[in-house]
């Protein structure tokens, strides 16, 4: 949805290059993703038993061969570091249970789009412990050190990111619902699929919803094709993404309430009158801003973007009790292996 014409604060056209732009809000300030990803952490922890079941099916290499883990859509907070540690510790325990006296070297690749705040992520990494094919005790010891080599991989996971047959375990949580692009047809004012007056699929017409569905199907097929080339035989991939309980693709559950209702209303307010501000209800607004703030600022500039989220905070404060009662997020979890 475009802001009023003639607004000098508009900095990017609607034809965004999402791959070069999209990221969770970096840094460590109040609205950063690092300080507003507690919900994602809670959901990730609730699925650890499913992740470990997936890891139990991964082939163990000889200890002389490095074991490689990749988090696709790592963002810039502690959640990705916690998950990588869980994966490596579980695999190390499997080596121990299988009778090995030593463990392999572990490598962790943190992958996200080029605009991701990798600097903040790397600052959160603990120092590297003594590495090499070593004892089980050294690998599992809780010493405040990490037991894996780390590297950042900038790029879209809808294309190749790694050499063929190089990764043992892929992990991706709360990332795959991000499409590679907004379907062109929903931005075409002459099209019946034009998503008029909307900034989200929530409440979209059937043709607009169909365009988003086709885009997702294309993206998912590309994602699976790329990973099938990069995964080692015997490797596995664990995926969690936002889902819904209804067949209606415009019914987005908690995401619809967060982005499709209060975000939309605040956006409409701003379009009609970019002149009001509020100072309350920042928890919900910061959570939304940490995820979508970069895109908002690209559309309307950081000044109006800040105004928008202040309005959202005000609306959310007035309906805080209703939000807490109704907001729920549903997830799809999938485990895939390459035999």
Protein backbone atom coordinates (compact mmCIF):
# COMPACT_ATOMS: atom_id res chain seq x y z
CA UNK A 1 0.00 0.00 0.00
CA UNK A 2 1.49 3.30 -1.04
CA UNK A 3 1.66 6.38 1.18
CA UNK A 4 0.10 9.66 0.11
CA UNK A 5 1.47 11.01 -3.16
CA UNK A 6 4.04 13.74 -2.92
CA UNK A 7 5.38 12.54 0.44
CA UNK A 8 9.10 13.31 0.34
CA UNK A 9 9.73 10.67 2.99
CA UNK A 10 9.08 7.83 0.52
CA UNK A 11 12.44 6.22 -0.21
CA UNK A 12 11.76 3.03 -2.18
CA UNK A 13 9.31 2.16 -4.95
CA UNK A 14 6.87 -0.72 -4.59
CA UNK A 15 9.11 -2.86 -6.81
CA UNK A 16 11.38 -3.85 -3.92
CA UNK A 17 14.39 -6.10 -4.26
CA UNK A 18 13.48 -8.14 -1.22
CA UNK A 19 16.60 -10.26 -1.21
CA UNK A 20 18.84 -7.21 -0.81
CA UNK A 21 16.53 -5.56 1.70
CA UNK A 22 14.71 -8.00 3.96
CA UNK A 23 16.07 -8.73 7.42
CA UNK A 24 14.95 -8.82 11.00
CA UNK A 25 15.78 -5.57 12.80
CA UNK A 26 19.44 -5.69 13.76
CA UNK A 27 21.36 -4.27 16.68
CA UNK A 28 20.51 -4.64 20.36
CA UNK A 29 18.10 -1.76 20.99
CA UNK A 30 14.54 -1.92 22.30
CA UNK A 31 12.97 -2.81 18.95
CA UNK A 32 15.70 -5.20 17.75
CA UNK A 33 14.98 -8.81 16.87
CA UNK A 34 17.58 -9.90 19.40
CA UNK A 35 15.44 -8.36 22.16
CA UNK A 36 12.06 -9.35 20.71
CA UNK A 37 12.41 -13.02 19.79
CA UNK A 38 11.35 -14.60 23.07
CA UNK A 39 8.22 -16.06 21.48
CA UNK A 40 10.29 -17.76 18.78
CA UNK A 41 12.61 -19.12 21.47
CA UNK A 42 9.66 -20.55 23.41
CA UNK A 43 8.23 -22.25 20.32
CA UNK A 44 11.64 -23.61 19.32
CA UNK A 45 12.16 -25.12 22.77
CA UNK A 46 8.74 -26.75 22.63
CA UNK A 47 9.84 -28.64 19.51
CA UNK A 48 13.20 -29.88 20.78
CA UNK A 49 11.90 -33.43 21.24
CA UNK A 50 10.92 -33.50 17.55
CA UNK A 51 14.29 -32.09 16.53
CA UNK A 52 16.12 -34.76 18.53
CA UNK A 53 14.02 -37.48 16.91
CA UNK A 54 15.18 -36.16 13.54
CA UNK A 55 18.81 -36.08 14.69
CA UNK A 56 18.57 -39.71 15.80
CA UNK A 57 18.13 -40.65 12.15
CA UNK A 58 21.16 -38.79 10.81
CA UNK A 59 24.07 -40.92 9.62
CA UNK A 60 27.21 -40.56 11.73
CA UNK A 61 30.40 -39.96 9.77
CA UNK A 62 33.75 -41.33 10.84
CA UNK A 63 35.19 -38.98 13.47
CA UNK A 64 37.86 -37.92 10.98
CA UNK A 65 35.14 -36.34 8.80
CA UNK A 66 33.78 -32.94 9.95
CA UNK A 67 30.10 -32.82 10.88
CA UNK A 68 28.32 -29.83 9.30
CA UNK A 69 25.20 -28.03 10.56
CA UNK A 70 23.45 -25.15 8.78
CA UNK A 71 20.74 -22.84 10.13
CA UNK A 72 18.78 -21.29 7.27
CA UNK A 73 17.29 -17.95 8.30
CA UNK A 74 19.43 -17.58 11.39
CA UNK A 75 18.69 -13.88 12.02
CA UNK A 76 20.75 -12.10 14.67
CA UNK A 77 19.80 -13.29 18.15
CA UNK A 78 20.72 -16.01 20.62
CA UNK A 79 18.07 -18.45 19.39
CA UNK A 80 20.17 -19.77 16.52
CA UNK A 81 23.21 -20.28 18.78
CA UNK A 82 21.11 -22.20 21.28
CA UNK A 83 19.73 -24.51 18.59
CA UNK A 84 23.14 -25.19 17.05
CA UNK A 85 24.44 -26.10 20.49
CA UNK A 86 21.50 -28.48 21.01
CA UNK A 87 22.16 -30.17 17.66
CA UNK A 88 25.90 -30.59 18.22
CA UNK A 89 25.53 -31.81 21.79
CA UNK A 90 22.94 -34.39 20.72
CA UNK A 91 25.11 -35.65 17.86
CA UNK A 92 28.15 -35.83 20.17
CA UNK A 93 26.16 -37.97 22.61
CA UNK A 94 25.21 -40.27 19.74
CA UNK A 95 28.89 -40.75 18.93
CA UNK A 96 29.48 -41.62 22.56
CA UNK A 97 26.58 -44.08 22.63
CA UNK A 98 27.81 -45.76 19.45
CA UNK A 99 31.17 -46.60 21.04
CA UNK A 100 33.37 -43.89 19.54
CA UNK A 101 36.10 -42.59 21.80
CA UNK A 102 36.29 -39.23 20.05
CA UNK A 103 34.02 -36.84 18.17
CA UNK A 104 34.52 -35.10 14.80
CA UNK A 105 35.13 -31.42 14.32
CA UNK A 106 31.82 -29.55 14.09
CA UNK A 107 31.11 -26.68 11.72
CA UNK A 108 28.05 -24.41 11.94
CA UNK A 109 26.97 -22.21 9.05
CA UNK A 110 24.64 -19.34 9.91
CA UNK A 111 22.79 -18.43 6.72
CA UNK A 112 20.53 -15.47 6.05
CA UNK A 113 20.00 -12.70 3.53
CA UNK A 114 22.91 -10.26 2.97
CA UNK A 115 21.19 -7.49 4.95
CA UNK A 116 21.08 -9.63 8.10
CA UNK A 117 22.99 -8.23 11.07
CA UNK A 118 25.72 -10.88 11.15
CA UNK A 119 27.91 -8.57 13.27
CA UNK A 120 25.51 -8.69 16.20
CA UNK A 121 25.17 -12.45 15.83
CA UNK A 122 28.92 -13.03 15.84
CA UNK A 123 29.32 -10.78 18.89
CA UNK A 124 26.96 -13.14 20.75
CA UNK A 125 29.08 -16.20 19.96
CA UNK A 126 31.17 -17.45 22.88
CA UNK A 127 34.89 -18.00 22.24
CA UNK A 128 35.99 -21.15 20.46
CA UNK A 129 37.12 -24.07 22.62
CA UNK A 130 40.14 -26.19 21.73
CA UNK A 131 39.15 -27.84 18.48
CA UNK A 132 40.03 -30.95 16.61
CA UNK A 133 39.06 -34.59 16.77
CA UNK A 134 39.01 -34.77 20.55
CA UNK A 135 37.57 -36.41 23.59
CA UNK A 136 33.88 -36.62 24.32
CA UNK A 137 34.37 -34.80 27.61
CA UNK A 138 35.93 -31.79 25.90
CA UNK A 139 33.06 -31.53 23.45
CA UNK A 140 30.28 -31.82 26.02
CA UNK A 141 31.90 -29.78 28.80
CA UNK A 142 29.91 -26.69 29.76
CA UNK A 143 32.79 -24.22 29.88
CA UNK A 144 31.23 -21.16 28.33
CA UNK A 145 32.99 -21.96 25.07
CA UNK A 146 31.57 -23.19 21.79
CA UNK A 147 32.52 -26.55 20.37
CA UNK A 148 32.07 -25.65 16.70
CA UNK A 149 33.65 -23.55 14.00
CA UNK A 150 31.29 -20.77 12.84
CA UNK A 151 30.78 -18.97 9.54
CA UNK A 152 28.16 -16.69 8.02
CA UNK A 153 26.59 -17.45 4.66
CA UNK A 154 24.81 -14.49 3.04
CA UNK A 155 22.26 -15.34 0.36
CA UNK A 156 18.74 -16.50 -0.40
CA UNK A 157 17.91 -20.07 0.58
CA UNK A 158 15.83 -20.30 -2.57
CA UNK A 159 19.12 -20.72 -4.41
CA UNK A 160 22.28 -22.79 -3.83
CA UNK A 161 24.28 -21.79 -0.74
CA UNK A 162 26.63 -24.74 -0.14
CA UNK A 163 28.73 -27.22 -2.14
CA UNK A 164 27.05 -30.43 -3.21
CA UNK A 165 26.76 -33.15 -0.54
CA UNK A 166 28.40 -31.01 2.14
CA UNK A 167 25.81 -30.55 4.94
CA UNK A 168 24.73 -33.19 7.47
CA UNK A 169 21.88 -31.30 9.15
CA UNK A 170 19.78 -28.39 7.92
CA UNK A 171 17.64 -26.49 10.42
CA UNK A 172 15.19 -23.73 9.53
CA UNK A 173 12.64 -22.25 11.92
CA UNK A 174 10.19 -19.37 11.38
CA UNK A 175 11.82 -18.39 8.09
CA UNK A 176 10.40 -20.41 5.21
CA UNK A 177 7.08 -18.54 5.26
CA UNK A 178 8.98 -15.52 3.92
CA UNK A 179 8.59 -15.54 0.14
CA UNK A 180 11.30 -14.55 -2.30
CA UNK A 181 9.11 -11.74 -3.63
CA UNK A 182 5.69 -10.19 -3.55
CA UNK A 183 3.79 -11.66 -6.52
CA UNK A 184 3.81 -9.03 -9.28
CA UNK A 185 0.11 -9.54 -10.01
CA UNK A 186 -1.02 -8.43 -6.54
CA UNK A 187 0.72 -5.07 -7.08
CA UNK A 188 -0.74 -4.56 -10.57
CA UNK A 189 -3.60 -2.07 -10.21
CA UNK A 190 -5.16 -3.32 -13.45
CA UNK A 191 -5.31 -6.92 -12.19
CA UNK A 192 -8.28 -8.52 -10.45
CA UNK A 193 -5.71 -9.98 -8.03
CA UNK A 194 -4.61 -6.49 -6.97
CA UNK A 195 -4.41 -6.50 -3.19
CA UNK A 196 -6.02 -3.07 -2.89
CA UNK A 197 -5.76 -1.38 0.47
CA UNK A 198 -3.88 -4.31 2.03
CA UNK A 199 -0.30 -4.78 3.21
CA UNK A 200 -0.73 -8.45 4.13
CA UNK A 201 -2.58 -11.52 2.82
CA UNK A 202 -5.01 -11.30 5.75
CA UNK A 203 -8.41 -10.46 4.27
CA UNK A 204 -7.19 -10.56 0.66
CA UNK A 205 -9.49 -11.57 -2.21
CA UNK A 206 -9.34 -15.11 -3.61
CA UNK A 207 -7.23 -14.21 -6.65
CA UNK A 208 -4.68 -12.39 -4.55
CA UNK A 209 -4.54 -15.33 -2.16
CA UNK A 210 -4.08 -17.69 -5.11
CA UNK A 211 -1.14 -15.61 -6.35
CA UNK A 212 0.55 -15.86 -2.95
CA UNK A 213 -0.11 -19.62 -2.88
CA UNK A 214 1.52 -20.10 -6.28
CA UNK A 215 4.50 -18.02 -5.19
CA UNK A 216 4.90 -20.15 -2.07
CA UNK A 217 4.67 -23.38 -4.07
CA UNK A 218 7.35 -22.17 -6.48
CA UNK A 219 9.60 -21.04 -3.63
CA UNK A 220 9.17 -24.25 -1.63
CA UNK A 221 9.98 -26.40 -4.66
CA UNK A 222 13.16 -24.37 -5.26
CA UNK A 223 14.11 -24.61 -1.58
CA UNK A 224 13.77 -28.40 -1.50
CA UNK A 225 15.62 -28.81 -4.80
CA UNK A 226 18.60 -26.78 -3.57
CA UNK A 227 18.81 -28.62 -0.24
CA UNK A 228 18.58 -32.02 -1.95
CA UNK A 229 21.77 -31.14 -3.82
CA UNK A 230 23.60 -29.79 -0.77
CA UNK A 231 22.69 -32.44 1.81
CA UNK A 232 24.95 -35.42 2.44
CA UNK A 233 23.40 -38.83 1.92
CA UNK A 234 22.03 -39.88 5.27
CA UNK A 235 21.58 -36.26 6.29
CA UNK A 236 18.34 -34.66 7.49
CA UNK A 237 16.51 -31.36 7.50
CA UNK A 238 14.23 -30.00 10.23
CA UNK A 239 11.77 -27.25 9.23
CA UNK A 240 9.28 -25.24 11.28
CA UNK A 241 7.20 -22.44 9.80
CA UNK A 242 4.03 -20.53 10.47
CA UNK A 243 0.84 -22.42 9.70
CA UNK A 244 -2.90 -22.06 10.14
CA UNK A 245 -5.84 -24.18 11.25
CA UNK A 246 -8.16 -23.14 8.43
CA UNK A 247 -8.16 -24.03 4.73
CA UNK A 248 -8.66 -20.35 4.00
CA UNK A 249 -5.18 -18.97 3.14
CA UNK A 250 -6.24 -15.50 4.27
CA UNK A 251 -6.93 -16.79 7.78
CA UNK A 252 -3.47 -16.31 9.27
CA UNK A 253 -4.21 -16.92 12.95
CA UNK A 254 -1.88 -14.98 15.26
CA UNK A 255 0.06 -13.55 12.34
CA UNK A 256 -3.19 -12.16 10.93
CA UNK A 257 -3.99 -10.46 14.21
CA UNK A 258 -0.49 -9.08 14.56
CA UNK A 259 0.17 -7.95 10.99
CA UNK A 260 -3.24 -8.04 9.33
CA UNK A 261 -5.36 -6.22 11.91
CA UNK A 262 -3.59 -3.80 14.24
CA UNK A 263 -0.66 -3.27 11.89
CA UNK A 264 -3.09 -2.68 9.01
CA UNK A 265 -5.23 -0.29 11.08
CA UNK A 266 -2.19 1.68 12.20
CA UNK A 267 -0.97 1.81 8.60
CA UNK A 268 -4.37 3.11 7.42
CA UNK A 269 -4.32 5.76 10.15
CA UNK A 270 -0.91 6.89 9.01
CA UNK A 271 -1.92 7.04 5.36
CA UNK A 272 -4.97 9.15 6.19
CA UNK A 273 -3.13 11.40 8.72
CA UNK A 274 0.62 11.06 9.25
CA UNK A 275 0.41 13.38 12.29
CA UNK A 276 -0.19 11.47 15.57
CA UNK A 277 2.14 9.72 18.04
CA UNK A 278 1.81 7.56 21.16
CA UNK A 279 4.16 6.37 23.82
CA UNK A 280 2.49 3.24 25.18
CA UNK A 281 1.98 -0.41 24.23
CA UNK A 282 5.49 -0.81 22.85
CA UNK A 283 5.81 -4.53 23.53
CA UNK A 284 3.52 -5.59 20.67
CA UNK A 285 4.74 -2.83 18.39
CA UNK A 286 8.40 -3.70 19.00
CA UNK A 287 7.70 -7.36 18.30
CA UNK A 288 6.12 -6.45 14.98
CA UNK A 289 8.78 -3.87 14.20
CA UNK A 290 11.62 -6.31 14.84
CA UNK A 291 10.25 -8.51 12.05
CA UNK A 292 8.86 -6.05 9.51
CA UNK A 293 10.45 -2.71 10.39
CA UNK A 294 13.09 -2.88 7.66
CA UNK A 295 10.42 -3.31 4.97
CA UNK A 296 8.27 -0.54 6.41
CA UNK A 297 11.18 1.90 6.51
CA UNK A 298 12.02 1.03 2.91
CA UNK A 299 8.46 1.88 1.81
CA UNK A 300 7.86 5.08 3.75
CA UNK A 301 11.15 6.05 5.40
CA UNK A 302 12.27 5.67 8.97
CA UNK A 303 10.48 8.82 10.19
CA UNK A 304 7.02 7.68 9.12
CA UNK A 305 7.96 4.12 10.03
CA UNK A 306 8.60 5.20 13.61
CA UNK A 307 5.27 7.04 13.58
CA UNK A 308 3.47 3.96 12.31
CA UNK A 309 4.71 1.73 15.12
CA UNK A 310 3.87 4.34 17.74
CA UNK A 311 0.31 4.27 16.43
CA UNK A 312 0.28 0.51 16.49
CA UNK A 313 1.47 0.58 20.10
CA UNK A 314 -1.38 2.91 21.01
CA UNK A 315 -3.98 0.70 19.35
CA UNK A 316 -2.56 -2.43 20.92
CA UNK A 317 -2.58 -0.84 24.37
CA UNK A 318 -6.27 -0.02 24.05
CA UNK A 319 -7.01 -3.66 23.19
CA UNK A 320 -4.30 -5.41 25.18
CA UNK A 321 -6.64 -7.79 27.02
CA UNK A 322 -8.33 -8.89 23.78
CA UNK A 323 -4.96 -9.46 22.09
CA UNK A 324 -3.61 -11.60 24.92
CA UNK A 325 -6.74 -13.75 24.81
CA UNK A 326 -6.85 -14.26 21.05
CA UNK A 327 -3.32 -14.22 19.69
CA UNK A 328 -2.06 -17.71 18.92
CA UNK A 329 0.53 -18.89 16.42
CA UNK A 330 0.27 -22.27 14.71
CA UNK A 331 3.28 -23.97 13.17
CA UNK A 332 4.04 -26.62 10.60
CA UNK A 333 6.95 -28.93 11.46
CA UNK A 334 8.58 -31.18 8.89
CA UNK A 335 11.53 -33.55 8.98
CA UNK A 336 13.12 -34.69 5.71
CA UNK A 337 16.01 -37.08 5.10
CA UNK A 338 18.17 -37.97 2.12
CA UNK A 339 18.85 -41.70 1.94
